[in-house]
Amino acid sequence: MDFQVVVLAGGVSKKLVPLVSKELPNALLPVANRPVLSYVVELLELSNLKDLIVVVEGKDVALNVGAWISGAYADRLHVEVASVPEDVGTAGAIRAIAHHLTAKDILIVSGDLVSDVPVGAVAATHRRHDAVVTALLCNAPISGPLESVSSGGKDKTKKPGRYDLIGLDPTKQFLLHIATGAEVEKDLRVQKSILRAAGQIEIRADLMDAHLYAFKRSVLLEVLDQKSAFQSLKHDVLPYLVRSQLKSEVLLNGTPQAEENGTEKVNSQSNQQMVSQILANASEPTFHRRHTLGTIGSDSVRRAHKCCVYIAGSSKYCARLNSIQAYNDINRDVIGEANHLSGYSFSAHNNIIHPTAELGAKTTVGPHCMLGEGSQMGDKCSVKRSVIGRHCRIGANVKVVNSVVMNHVTIGDFCSIQGSVICSNVQLQERAILKDCQVGAGFVVTSGSDHKGEVLAKK
């Protein structure tokens, strides 16, 4: 396949405080008791992509992530952890490691992506069209609690989030427009040349740019070199390539290159079938091709480059852990409707209770729950739609609903936890009540206290 793989794993995001810290950076934040980075690494491994560059922000984060990778994947993968300065953005991170990039094409994926979309299918689409960039688009994930229990707001219904405004050609193979962030609220503006060449454009607000891209290396590095102000692949580089695709100024090595088969590193049968179907689909000349040929009888040849998309099927799961709400949603999904992603075998009761965990008399752990290694629960406790980490000590008559409890947490008798995230080494004293809260690592919640919608963390 001749792709290099770069995983952009970030550092310590302000959006995820107090859940994250230098000791527990974004990449190691647990989802169903596994670091979120493990979901990306193992998704790549399924496509036989085992040589990775993981880029993180800051040397402390690099040490922690590197130590975890060495322990988890030393015998299976070759992973180089590269440290870049903080807050350089995704484009700045690629600039910083550009000297490591030598392959014809580069796969770049966000380290906070949790998905089952086969990476090999994206790579095959990219090669089939000889594109300068191919972006993975997924259905916008559902956000909000599963039932009538709120997890941070008055709106108690599940709803798809609005992430991006995306314009596609009639074949749904090419990206004609993309607006993200604040640009979504602005007037829609599409290049006349693109609209004229494509004939029509389909505007979609139900799709999300998953931040998994295949780039032609020469083009990506040229753009990053020429556009020094660009900080983000999603907000700067991708829209620039889309806007300029029919008046291309990027280096395309003179003549079109022969298309290559992108299937050789996809090893599961279902993935092979999907990739084969992509490569086998015969297509009419693209609007890029028609544009470069100009009018009939003309000797002029216009320059163009292709910006492609791979749209995941509606049955596929795709979400990014880039907010506290997303953290709650993804944990809910990975122990619920998308539990095939967890890597665990669920019981007949549709839950996971580690063999070393201990339950008191009349304690119930409901469906879509996880109880980690060595954790102990007292009598008459109730756990619903929640994840409880390793080596927690939970007293009697405790209720945990729609929540995530990390490792080594102590919870006193008669506590109630609802719609909250409790970080490692927290102590909840008896009769404490939490609703829609986030509690930072090592914090002590005092006896009898009642908190709603608060962030509790050490100063």
Protein backbone atom coordinates (compact mmCIF):
# COMPACT_ATOMS: atom_id res chain seq x y z
CA MET A 1 0.00 0.00 0.00
CA ASP A 2 2.99 2.27 0.57
CA PHE A 3 1.23 4.54 3.05
CA GLN A 4 2.86 6.06 6.09
CA VAL A 5 0.56 6.45 9.07
CA VAL A 6 0.57 9.43 11.43
CA VAL A 7 -1.65 9.46 14.52
CA LEU A 8 -2.19 12.95 15.94
CA ALA A 9 -2.77 12.24 19.63
CA GLY A 10 -2.56 15.78 21.02
CA GLY A 11 -1.63 16.68 24.57
CA VAL A 12 -3.82 17.96 27.40
CA SER A 13 -6.94 19.55 25.94
CA LYS A 14 -8.60 22.39 27.83
CA LYS A 15 -11.94 21.06 26.60
CA LEU A 16 -11.39 17.86 28.61
CA VAL A 17 -10.24 19.38 31.90
CA PRO A 18 -10.54 18.15 34.67
CA LEU A 19 -10.61 14.69 33.13
CA VAL A 20 -7.11 15.05 31.67
CA SER A 21 -3.71 16.13 32.98
CA LYS A 22 -0.03 15.65 32.10
CA GLU A 23 -0.21 12.34 33.95
CA LEU A 24 -3.38 11.34 32.07
CA PRO A 25 -3.26 13.10 28.67
CA ASN A 26 -6.01 12.96 26.04
CA ALA A 27 -4.59 9.83 24.42
CA LEU A 28 -4.75 7.80 27.63
CA LEU A 29 -8.22 8.85 28.76
CA PRO A 30 -10.05 5.57 29.43
CA VAL A 31 -13.03 4.52 27.32
CA ALA A 32 -14.58 1.34 28.74
CA ASN A 33 -11.41 0.95 30.83
CA ARG A 34 -9.07 1.19 27.80
CA PRO A 35 -7.06 4.23 26.65
CA VAL A 36 -8.88 5.94 23.79
CA LEU A 37 -5.70 5.76 21.71
CA SER A 38 -5.95 1.96 21.74
CA TYR A 39 -9.09 2.13 19.60
CA VAL A 40 -7.25 3.94 16.78
CA VAL A 41 -4.14 1.77 17.06
CA GLU A 42 -6.13 -1.46 16.84
CA LEU A 43 -8.30 -0.13 14.00
CA LEU A 44 -5.10 0.50 12.03
CA GLU A 45 -3.76 -2.92 13.00
CA LEU A 46 -6.88 -4.53 11.48
CA SER A 47 -5.78 -3.11 8.12
CA ASN A 48 -2.27 -4.47 8.71
CA LEU A 49 -0.91 -0.97 9.31
CA LYS A 50 1.64 -1.68 12.01
CA ASP A 51 4.29 0.99 11.47
CA LEU A 52 3.00 4.19 13.09
CA ILE A 53 4.18 7.65 14.06
CA VAL A 54 2.22 8.87 17.09
CA VAL A 55 2.55 12.64 17.52
CA VAL A 56 1.89 14.19 20.93
CA GLU A 57 2.26 17.65 22.41
CA GLY A 58 4.94 18.03 25.07
CA LYS A 59 7.75 15.84 26.35
CA ASP A 60 5.90 14.74 29.51
CA VAL A 61 2.99 13.49 27.43
CA ALA A 62 5.42 11.72 25.09
CA LEU A 63 6.98 9.85 28.01
CA ASN A 64 3.60 8.70 29.37
CA VAL A 65 2.19 7.70 25.99
CA GLY A 66 5.45 6.02 24.98
CA ALA A 67 5.52 3.97 28.18
CA TRP A 68 1.95 2.79 27.65
CA ILE A 69 2.58 1.85 24.00
CA SER A 70 5.74 -0.07 24.91
CA GLY A 71 3.84 -2.11 27.47
CA ALA A 72 0.77 -2.74 25.32
CA TYR A 73 2.13 -3.24 21.80
CA ALA A 74 5.87 -3.94 21.96
CA ASP A 75 5.53 -7.38 20.35
CA ARG A 76 2.91 -6.42 17.77
CA LEU A 77 3.64 -2.99 16.34
CA HIS A 78 6.44 -0.59 15.52
CA VAL A 79 5.43 2.78 16.96
CA GLU A 80 7.56 5.91 17.09
CA VAL A 81 6.34 8.58 19.51
CA ALA A 82 7.25 12.09 18.36
CA SER A 83 6.95 15.13 20.61
CA VAL A 84 6.02 18.54 19.17
CA PRO A 85 5.50 21.87 20.99
CA GLU A 86 2.12 22.53 22.57
CA ASP A 87 -0.61 24.37 20.66
CA VAL A 88 1.03 24.15 17.22
CA GLY A 89 -2.17 22.77 15.73
CA THR A 90 -2.53 19.73 13.52
CA ALA A 91 -0.86 21.43 10.55
CA GLY A 92 2.03 22.55 12.75
CA ALA A 93 2.42 19.02 14.07
CA ILE A 94 2.84 17.68 10.51
CA ARG A 95 5.34 20.43 9.70
CA ALA A 96 7.36 19.43 12.76
CA ILE A 97 7.66 15.80 11.66
CA ALA A 98 7.85 16.43 7.90
CA HIS A 99 11.41 15.07 7.73
CA HIS A 100 10.04 11.66 8.81
CA LEU A 101 7.58 11.49 5.92
CA THR A 102 8.92 9.72 2.84
CA ALA A 103 6.07 7.64 1.36
CA LYS A 104 4.03 8.70 -1.65
CA ASP A 105 0.86 8.91 0.46
CA ILE A 106 0.26 9.69 4.13
CA LEU A 107 -2.64 8.51 6.29
CA ILE A 108 -3.34 10.98 9.08
CA VAL A 109 -5.82 10.06 11.80
CA SER A 110 -6.86 11.74 15.01
CA GLY A 111 -5.90 9.86 18.15
CA ASP A 112 -9.33 10.51 19.67
CA LEU A 113 -11.25 8.66 16.94
CA VAL A 114 -13.35 5.68 18.00
CA SER A 115 -14.60 3.88 14.90
CA ASP A 116 -15.03 0.59 13.08
CA VAL A 117 -14.72 2.05 9.56
CA PRO A 118 -11.98 0.09 7.71
CA VAL A 119 -9.00 2.36 7.09
CA GLY A 120 -8.04 0.29 4.06
CA ALA A 121 -11.25 1.36 2.30
CA VAL A 122 -10.30 5.02 2.66
CA ALA A 123 -6.81 4.28 1.34
CA ALA A 124 -8.22 2.35 -1.63
CA THR A 125 -10.55 5.22 -2.55
CA HIS A 126 -7.62 7.62 -2.42
CA ARG A 127 -5.51 5.49 -4.74
CA ARG A 128 -8.36 4.73 -7.12
CA HIS A 129 -8.85 8.41 -7.87
CA ASP A 130 -5.19 9.44 -7.57
CA ALA A 131 -6.47 12.15 -5.22
CA VAL A 132 -4.48 14.80 -3.39
CA VAL A 133 -6.68 14.26 -0.35
CA THR A 134 -9.40 11.80 0.66
CA ALA A 135 -11.47 12.46 3.78
CA LEU A 136 -13.52 10.00 5.79
CA LEU A 137 -17.08 11.24 6.33
CA CYS A 138 -19.40 9.59 8.84
CA ASN A 139 -22.92 10.15 10.07
CA ALA A 140 -22.94 12.79 12.79
CA PRO A 141 -22.99 10.91 16.11
CA ILE A 142 -25.96 10.93 18.43
CA SER A 143 -25.40 13.10 21.49
CA GLY A 144 -27.22 12.94 24.81
CA PRO A 145 -28.43 10.39 27.37
CA LEU A 146 -30.03 7.11 26.42
CA GLU A 147 -33.18 7.56 28.46
CA SER A 148 -34.89 10.29 30.45
CA VAL A 149 -31.86 10.90 32.68
CA SER A 150 -30.11 14.13 31.80
CA SER A 151 -26.33 14.26 31.57
CA GLY A 152 -25.75 17.96 31.59
CA GLY A 153 -28.73 19.97 30.39
CA LYS A 154 -32.50 20.29 30.22
CA ASP A 155 -32.80 18.71 26.78
CA LYS A 156 -33.21 15.03 27.61
CA THR A 157 -33.41 13.55 24.12
CA LYS A 158 -30.75 11.95 21.97
CA LYS A 159 -30.02 14.10 18.93
CA PRO A 160 -27.46 14.19 16.13
CA GLY A 161 -24.94 16.98 16.55
CA ARG A 162 -24.24 19.50 13.82
CA TYR A 163 -20.58 19.42 12.96
CA ASP A 164 -19.85 20.36 9.34
CA LEU A 165 -21.56 21.62 6.21
CA ILE A 166 -20.41 19.47 3.31
CA GLY A 167 -20.97 19.80 -0.43
CA LEU A 168 -20.68 16.70 -2.64
CA ASP A 169 -20.84 16.08 -6.37
CA PRO A 170 -23.76 14.02 -7.77
CA THR A 171 -21.71 10.80 -7.53
CA LYS A 172 -20.91 11.45 -3.85
CA GLN A 173 -17.24 10.75 -4.55
CA PHE A 174 -15.80 14.26 -4.57
CA LEU A 175 -15.73 17.07 -2.04
CA LEU A 176 -16.92 20.38 -3.50
CA HIS A 177 -17.35 22.41 -0.33
CA ILE A 178 -16.65 22.11 3.37
CA ALA A 179 -17.45 24.55 6.18
CA THR A 180 -16.50 23.81 9.76
CA GLY A 181 -16.80 25.57 13.10
CA ALA A 182 -17.95 29.19 12.83
CA GLU A 183 -17.95 28.93 9.02
CA VAL A 184 -21.05 26.71 9.21
CA GLU A 185 -23.18 29.70 10.26
CA LYS A 186 -22.00 31.92 7.41
CA ASP A 187 -23.53 32.25 3.94
CA LEU A 188 -22.80 29.29 1.71
CA ARG A 189 -20.25 30.22 -0.96
CA VAL A 190 -19.09 27.73 -3.60
CA GLN A 191 -16.56 28.43 -6.32
CA LYS A 192 -18.42 29.11 -9.60
CA SER A 193 -15.93 27.03 -11.55
CA ILE A 194 -16.55 24.01 -9.31
CA LEU A 195 -20.33 24.33 -9.49
CA ARG A 196 -20.24 24.83 -13.26
CA ALA A 197 -17.99 21.81 -13.80
CA ALA A 198 -19.85 19.48 -11.43
CA GLY A 199 -23.28 20.54 -12.67
CA GLN A 200 -24.90 20.37 -9.26
CA ILE A 201 -23.97 20.12 -5.60
CA GLU A 202 -25.58 18.21 -2.74
CA ILE A 203 -25.30 20.02 0.60
CA ARG A 204 -25.19 17.76 3.65
CA ALA A 205 -25.41 18.79 7.30
CA ASP A 206 -25.75 15.22 8.62
CA LEU A 207 -22.15 14.17 7.98
CA MET A 208 -19.05 14.64 10.11
CA ASP A 209 -15.47 15.01 8.98
CA ALA A 210 -13.92 12.24 11.05
CA HIS A 211 -10.39 13.67 10.87
CA LEU A 212 -9.05 10.63 9.04
CA TYR A 213 -7.32 11.72 5.84
CA ALA A 214 -5.21 10.26 3.09
CA PHE A 215 -2.92 12.93 1.61
CA LYS A 216 -0.55 12.90 -1.31
CA ARG A 217 2.66 13.67 0.58
CA SER A 218 4.21 16.02 -1.99
CA VAL A 219 1.07 18.18 -2.09
CA LEU A 220 0.55 18.25 1.66
CA LEU A 221 4.12 19.30 2.40
CA GLU A 222 4.09 21.88 -0.40
CA VAL A 223 0.92 23.49 0.98
CA LEU A 224 2.26 23.51 4.53
CA ASP A 225 5.50 25.09 3.30
CA GLN A 226 3.81 27.77 1.20
CA LYS A 227 0.99 28.56 3.65
CA SER A 228 2.92 29.12 6.86
CA ALA A 229 -0.14 30.63 8.59
CA PHE A 230 -2.12 27.40 8.26
CA GLN A 231 -2.54 25.77 11.68
CA SER A 232 -5.25 23.17 11.14
CA LEU A 233 -5.61 20.37 8.61
CA LYS A 234 -9.39 20.45 8.93
CA HIS A 235 -10.01 24.20 9.08
CA ASP A 236 -7.19 25.44 6.82
CA VAL A 237 -5.55 22.82 4.60
CA LEU A 238 -8.62 20.81 3.56
CA PRO A 239 -10.82 23.83 2.66
CA TYR A 240 -7.92 25.35 0.72
CA LEU A 241 -7.44 22.20 -1.36
CA VAL A 242 -11.18 21.98 -1.99
CA ARG A 243 -11.50 25.62 -3.08
CA SER A 244 -8.52 25.41 -5.43
CA GLN A 245 -9.13 22.00 -7.02
CA LEU A 246 -10.06 23.39 -10.46
CA LYS A 247 -7.38 26.08 -10.48
CA SER A 248 -4.69 23.91 -9.01
CA GLU A 249 -1.31 25.40 -8.25
CA VAL A 250 -0.03 22.43 -6.29
CA LEU A 251 2.76 20.23 -7.59
CA LEU A 252 1.31 17.09 -9.19
CA ASN A 253 4.58 15.74 -10.64
CA GLY A 254 3.73 16.83 -14.17
CA THR A 255 1.60 14.00 -15.54
CA PRO A 256 -1.08 11.88 -13.89
CA GLN A 257 0.40 8.92 -12.05
CA ALA A 258 -0.74 5.37 -12.58
CA GLU A 259 -3.39 4.32 -10.12
CA GLU A 260 -2.34 1.68 -7.62
CA ASN A 261 -4.13 -1.13 -5.89
CA GLY A 262 -4.83 -0.18 -2.25
CA THR A 263 -5.94 -3.56 -0.92
CA GLU A 264 -2.81 -5.46 -0.13
CA LYS A 265 -2.66 -4.50 3.51
CA VAL A 266 -6.32 -5.13 4.37
CA ASN A 267 -6.51 -8.54 5.97
CA SER A 268 -10.08 -9.23 7.10
CA GLN A 269 -12.41 -10.80 4.52
CA SER A 270 -15.15 -8.20 4.95
CA ASN A 271 -12.66 -5.36 4.53
CA GLN A 272 -11.22 -7.01 1.41
CA GLN A 273 -14.68 -7.26 -0.14
CA MET A 274 -15.40 -3.61 0.57
CA VAL A 275 -12.08 -2.46 -0.87
CA SER A 276 -12.48 -4.69 -3.94
CA GLN A 277 -15.88 -3.18 -4.61
CA ILE A 278 -14.44 0.34 -4.45
CA LEU A 279 -11.67 -0.53 -6.88
CA ALA A 280 -13.97 -2.43 -9.26
CA ASN A 281 -16.57 0.32 -9.66
CA ALA A 282 -16.15 1.67 -13.19
CA SER A 283 -16.98 5.36 -13.44
CA GLU A 284 -17.60 7.98 -16.05
CA PRO A 285 -14.88 10.60 -16.56
CA THR A 286 -14.93 12.86 -13.51
CA PHE A 287 -15.79 16.52 -13.70
CA HIS A 288 -12.09 17.18 -12.99
CA ARG A 289 -11.18 15.30 -16.16
CA ARG A 290 -13.80 17.09 -18.24
CA HIS A 291 -12.58 20.40 -16.87
CA THR A 292 -8.91 19.75 -17.70
CA LEU A 293 -9.78 18.81 -21.28
CA GLY A 294 -11.48 22.16 -21.81
CA THR A 295 -13.84 22.68 -24.72
CA ILE A 296 -13.95 20.28 -27.68
CA GLY A 297 -11.25 21.11 -30.18
CA SER A 298 -9.31 23.30 -27.77
CA ASP A 299 -5.61 22.72 -27.32
CA SER A 300 -5.60 24.19 -23.82
CA VAL A 301 -5.24 21.90 -20.80
CA ARG A 302 -6.32 23.24 -17.43
CA ARG A 303 -4.83 22.01 -14.20
CA ALA A 304 -6.93 20.32 -11.52
CA HIS A 305 -6.57 18.06 -8.52
CA LYS A 306 -9.06 15.76 -6.85
CA CYS A 307 -10.46 16.03 -3.34
CA CYS A 308 -12.28 12.80 -2.59
CA VAL A 309 -14.46 11.40 0.16
CA TYR A 310 -15.17 7.98 1.55
CA ILE A 311 -18.62 7.98 3.17
CA ALA A 312 -19.01 5.33 5.83
CA GLY A 313 -22.17 3.24 5.81
CA SER A 314 -24.93 4.09 8.26
CA SER A 315 -24.25 0.89 10.22
CA LYS A 316 -20.68 1.98 11.00
CA TYR A 317 -19.72 3.69 14.25
CA CYS A 318 -17.65 6.86 14.20
CA ALA A 319 -17.12 9.45 16.95
CA ARG A 320 -14.36 11.69 18.25
CA LEU A 321 -13.59 12.13 21.92
CA ASN A 322 -13.06 15.90 21.81
CA SER A 323 -15.38 17.12 24.58
CA ILE A 324 -16.71 15.99 27.93
CA GLN A 325 -20.12 15.33 26.38
CA ALA A 326 -18.44 13.20 23.72
CA TYR A 327 -16.61 11.32 26.48
CA ASN A 328 -19.92 10.45 28.13
CA ASP A 329 -21.52 9.54 24.80
CA ILE A 330 -18.69 7.27 23.63
CA ASN A 331 -18.47 5.39 26.92
CA ARG A 332 -22.25 4.92 26.74
CA ASP A 333 -22.02 3.58 23.20
CA VAL A 334 -19.00 1.30 23.65
CA ILE A 335 -20.70 -0.56 26.51
CA GLY A 336 -24.07 -0.33 24.76
CA GLU A 337 -25.08 -0.35 21.12
CA ALA A 338 -21.48 -0.40 19.84
CA ASN A 339 -20.07 -2.91 22.34
CA HIS A 340 -18.26 -4.79 19.57
CA LEU A 341 -15.70 -1.98 19.75
CA SER A 342 -14.86 -2.65 23.38
CA GLY A 343 -12.76 -5.73 22.71
CA TYR A 344 -14.52 -7.56 25.55
CA SER A 345 -16.98 -10.44 25.62
CA PHE A 346 -20.24 -9.37 27.25
CA SER A 347 -22.18 -11.72 29.49
CA ALA A 348 -25.68 -13.09 28.91
CA HIS A 349 -26.87 -10.10 30.95
CA ASN A 350 -25.17 -7.79 28.42
CA ASN A 351 -22.61 -6.51 30.92
CA ILE A 352 -19.02 -7.15 31.94
CA ILE A 353 -18.10 -7.98 35.53
CA HIS A 354 -14.44 -8.86 35.90
CA PRO A 355 -13.88 -12.27 37.55
CA THR A 356 -11.93 -10.63 40.37
CA ALA A 357 -14.66 -8.07 41.16
CA GLU A 358 -16.79 -8.62 44.26
CA LEU A 359 -20.50 -7.83 44.69
CA GLY A 360 -22.33 -7.52 47.99
CA ALA A 361 -25.71 -9.00 48.83
CA LYS A 362 -28.64 -7.68 46.75
CA THR A 363 -26.31 -5.59 44.58
CA THR A 364 -27.29 -5.34 40.91
CA VAL A 365 -25.18 -4.46 37.89
CA GLY A 366 -27.52 -3.88 34.96
CA PRO A 367 -27.11 -4.22 31.19
CA HIS A 368 -24.64 -1.93 29.43
CA CYS A 369 -22.38 -1.79 32.48
CA MET A 370 -18.75 -2.60 33.16
CA LEU A 371 -17.13 -3.40 36.51
CA GLY A 372 -13.35 -3.49 36.41
CA GLU A 373 -10.66 -5.74 37.84
CA GLY A 374 -10.43 -5.98 41.63
CA SER A 375 -13.31 -3.58 42.35
CA GLN A 376 -15.56 -4.24 45.32
CA MET A 377 -19.17 -3.20 45.91
CA GLY A 378 -21.07 -3.39 49.18
CA ASP A 379 -24.62 -4.54 49.81
CA LYS A 380 -27.75 -3.18 48.09
CA CYS A 381 -25.92 -1.16 45.42
CA SER A 382 -27.30 -0.42 41.96
CA VAL A 383 -25.32 0.27 38.77
CA LYS A 384 -27.06 1.25 35.53
CA ARG A 385 -25.48 2.11 32.14
CA SER A 386 -22.13 2.95 33.73
CA VAL A 387 -18.44 2.08 33.65
CA ILE A 388 -16.59 1.42 36.90
CA GLY A 389 -12.82 1.12 36.71
CA ARG A 390 -10.23 -1.04 38.41
CA HIS A 391 -9.69 -1.46 42.15
CA CYS A 392 -12.55 0.77 43.28
CA ARG A 393 -14.01 0.46 46.78
CA ILE A 394 -17.73 1.14 46.88
CA GLY A 395 -19.76 1.03 50.08
CA ALA A 396 -23.36 -0.06 50.70
CA ASN A 397 -26.56 1.44 49.25
CA VAL A 398 -24.72 3.30 46.48
CA LYS A 399 -26.43 4.22 43.21
CA VAL A 400 -24.45 4.84 40.00
CA VAL A 401 -26.37 5.79 36.84
CA ASN A 402 -25.12 6.97 33.41
CA SER A 403 -21.67 7.64 34.82
CA VAL A 404 -17.99 6.81 34.42
CA VAL A 405 -15.93 5.99 37.51
CA MET A 406 -12.20 5.60 36.81
CA ASN A 407 -9.64 3.61 38.80
CA HIS A 408 -8.92 3.48 42.54
CA VAL A 409 -12.01 5.49 43.50
CA THR A 410 -13.47 5.17 47.01
CA ILE A 411 -17.21 5.75 47.41
CA GLY A 412 -18.85 5.82 50.85
CA ASP A 413 -22.20 4.41 51.91
CA PHE A 414 -25.45 5.91 50.58
CA CYS A 415 -23.79 7.97 47.83
CA SER A 416 -25.67 8.77 44.62
CA ILE A 417 -23.87 9.42 41.31
CA GLN A 418 -25.80 10.34 38.19
CA GLY A 419 -24.59 11.56 34.79
CA SER A 420 -21.11 12.24 36.16
CA VAL A 421 -17.45 11.44 35.52
CA ILE A 422 -15.30 10.55 38.53
CA CYS A 423 -11.55 10.55 37.86
CA SER A 424 -9.00 8.25 39.46
CA ASN A 425 -8.15 8.34 43.17
CA VAL A 426 -11.22 10.39 44.08
CA GLN A 427 -12.84 9.88 47.47
CA LEU A 428 -16.58 10.36 47.92
CA GLN A 429 -17.47 10.40 51.58
CA GLU A 430 -20.77 8.91 52.76
CA ARG A 431 -24.09 10.35 51.54
CA ALA A 432 -22.49 12.57 48.89
CA ILE A 433 -24.74 13.31 45.90
CA LEU A 434 -23.43 14.12 42.43
CA LYS A 435 -25.55 14.92 39.38
CA ASP A 436 -24.04 15.98 36.04
CA CYS A 437 -20.62 16.67 37.59
CA GLN A 438 -16.99 16.09 36.69
CA VAL A 439 -14.63 15.34 39.57
CA GLY A 440 -10.89 15.72 38.96
CA ALA A 441 -8.27 13.19 40.06
CA GLY A 442 -7.57 12.98 43.78
CA PHE A 443 -10.42 15.25 44.86
CA VAL A 444 -12.32 14.59 48.10
CA VAL A 445 -16.10 15.11 48.04
CA THR A 446 -17.16 15.76 51.60
CA SER A 447 -19.79 13.83 53.52
CA GLY A 448 -23.38 14.81 52.86
CA SER A 449 -22.55 17.35 50.15
CA ASP A 450 -24.90 17.80 47.20
CA HIS A 451 -23.49 18.94 43.83
CA LYS A 452 -25.28 19.50 40.53
CA GLY A 453 -23.66 20.52 37.25
CA GLU A 454 -20.34 21.35 38.92
CA VAL A 455 -16.66 20.80 38.13
CA LEU A 456 -14.87 19.68 41.29
CA ALA A 457 -11.08 19.64 41.12
CA LYS A 458 -7.99 20.46 43.12
CA LYS A 459 -6.77 24.02 42.69
